[in-house]
Amino acid sequence: MYQAGRKDETAARSKTLRKAGPMALAAVVVALATLLLGTAQAPSAAAGAATTDFAPTDRHARVARLVSSMFERSHYRQAPVNDPVSSLVLDRYLESLDGSRSYFLASDIAEFERYRYQLDDAISGGRLEPAFAIFNRFQLRSRERMQHALAVLEKEPDFTLDESFEFDRRKAPWAQSRDELDELWRKRVKNDAISLMLADKTWEEARDVLAKRYERAAKRGEQVTADDVFENFMNAFAHVFDPHSSYFSPRNSEEYRIQMSLSYEGIGASLQMIDDYVTVMEILPGGSAQQTGEIKATDRILAVGQGKDGEFVDVVGWRLDDVVQLIRGPLGSHVKLLVQPGKTAPGAGERTVVLPRAKITLEAQAAKKEIRTIERGDQKLRVGVITVPSFYQDYNARAAGDDDFRSTTRDVRKLLEQIEAEGGVDGLVLDLRENGGGHLSEAIGLVNLFVAKGPVVQLRETGGRVEVLESEEGGAAYTGPLTILVDRFSASASEIFAAAMQDYGRGVVVGQETYGKGSVQNLYPLDRYAIGQDPGYGQLTVTIGMYYRVTGDSTQNRGVQPDIRLPSAISPEEVGESSRDAALPWNRIRPAPFKREGSLAPVIADLQSHHEQRIAGDPDFQHRLEEIASIDEMRKQKAVSLNLEQRRVERETLTKDQLDRENERRAALGVETLDDAEDIKDVPDAILSEALQITADLAQIEPRYVARVRPAS
């Protein structure tokens, strides 16, 4: 059975803090660790340390030739490894090493141009010297930068000067000289110091923290191995084809195997190193991060403390492995994190989060229900909410022959039976927000609870063969008004379910456009090809297929477009398949034969009209809109002031604005106002509340419009 997986199931450079358990087989290439070499984050040795020049081995040459052949033969694009691929590999490789354009000089980049149309031959022929030469130059430049950063700390900066630091340099020109880089790093060090001083550290304390940070970064460069260099380069190659194909070195292949067989005590988040920051890539269902809701994807972890009152340890610039070890700990203990919202200016919006360490269990991931009452004049409508964090299945129990094994479909069916036993509901919301996917079979099974037997999704393989996957025989468990709530983190299997509900006319999809992951990956252990050779080839994930709706449209890249859009703080420009380089494009194939349940198109305009009228006078919804607008403004920042007093004023203004927005909401509701922004807690989920209202509208409107037809037999 094919597995839909999670949206980042092939993100080969993230460390997963979770219980792998029985769902591991579903997410064939679930987020795994690269221990270093994230964007601009592998500086080399400290001053005076010996230079290490890396060189490829014969094993690297054999693996490169094998990987090149497998991509040409198996990847869905069916693209040759040629000069255009070589050009893209060079760009990807340089970005992986120095995405912030803070290490290489323009002269280095000009020198590397001689390799632009040679890297395809380097890979297919196993002649990898150009890749290692580029990395060795990066090591040299990294060493120079760390030496300069440490030298800058010898004198306290003038924090009264009116100057700024450009922290987003992804599209900045390469520095023309060492003097230009020195000036950039002078400002970078000054900004790092200001960020710490905004957290109530003195200059002396900030200097000591930064000295250790830069020395640690320099030491980390000495821990790089030739396998690390090779893995990073081969991932630059793989990511030219699509963002979900990746190469795992032997060490990371073993880490993958361990994660698939052990339980870890952590916070339930997938982490990756980006620009020296440990960044949250995904919140995993069932973990403490998901249950508390205090950490979001793209947040950055700046410091870690042990226990509820432990002293913070600065972790900016640490190896990802070392940060993971700080976050993990005894079951039931707590970890304290200093967190900054993603894509915001340095020092903005930092907050302290305390999370319990816990195993992610199937029970914690399980679907849950509640029933809300919506008042409409004299009428009281009962609207159910079933939250589905992931598409899970207790594979071990099923394989052992347990007839009562847990799964998403079985659990939701039981919840629907409980709802019916409790008097039923007038409408139902299925909340799939932040549901990154899971077992494809469970997505198909869930469709079967709401639609009679029929095709659910189509799978097209590399060679062009199309397979139509259908739900089983049996009547639907719920036939009433249905709303599916999604956001940008709803991915893969979630998208397959939401698309089927939309295509069959069975439910109204509300929220944000979904992630857009419609591709299928296969895992290849490469040691099986090491015939007569020493093992240690690593493993490869390759995109080998695409999912399509029953209409023939792909979910790839575009995702599922909601019938009614609701606001979200998640930026589609920063999150989602369309935001990723080399993402496979949207396309379509022939539709599968299916019969719609009916048409909900006539009710959408009425639902939209009621929605717009209602939110105009809803204080909670308007507050959410204002919060999102504030976040969007922070995202637009590309530079920050290096005047300490100005930065303090800016921070105080942000805090005051947040408090003012909350008190405006409270005043509109007739609730007591607050004196301190730190007291803001438990703000209502305005998006879910509006989804409930839309469902109540649907329950009242639907019988007048929907032309029901008999399900296909």
Foldseek 3Di string as FASTA:
>chain_A
DAALAFPQLQQAAWPFFAQLAPQVVRSVRHHFHDQDQAAQFQEAAEPPDDQDQDDDDPLLLVLLLVVQVCCCVFFLVVDHLFLVLLQQLVVLLNRSNHQLLLFDAPVLVVVLVVRSGPVSCCRNRSVVGSLSVNVSSSNVSSNVLLHLLLVLLVDDDDLADWDWAQRRRNPPDHHHDVVSSSVNSNRVSLLQLLLVVLVVDDSVVSSVLVNVLSNQSNVSNVVDHNQSSSQSSVQSSQCLQPSNWGFFFLVRLVRSVVSNPDWFWFQQFIWGAHSQWTFTQARHFQGQCVVVVPDDGQKTWQWKAWAPDGDTRGRRSHGPVVVRVRRTDDAFTKMKTFIDHHLFDRNAPTDIDITGTHHRDPVRQAKDKDWDWDDDPPDIFIEMEIEHQEFDWNNVCVVVVNPPTDTRLVRVLVVLVVCVVVPHGLEYEYEQESHRYTGLLSLQSNLCQAAAKDFQKWKAWSVGDIDTDIHDHDHHSDQHAYEYEYEQNRYRSSLSNVLRCQVLQRYFYEEYAYQFDFWGKDKAACQVVQVVHDDGSGIIIHTTIGMAGLQFWGCHLRHDGGLYYADDLDDSCCGHRVVRPNGDDIDGDHHHDFHHQWHPVVCSVVLNVVLVVVLVLQLLRVLVVVVSVVSVVSSPDSMDTSNSVVVSVVNVVVQVVQLVSVQVSCVSVVHDGDDGSVPDDDRDPVVVVSSSVSRVVCSVPVVVDIDGDDGDD
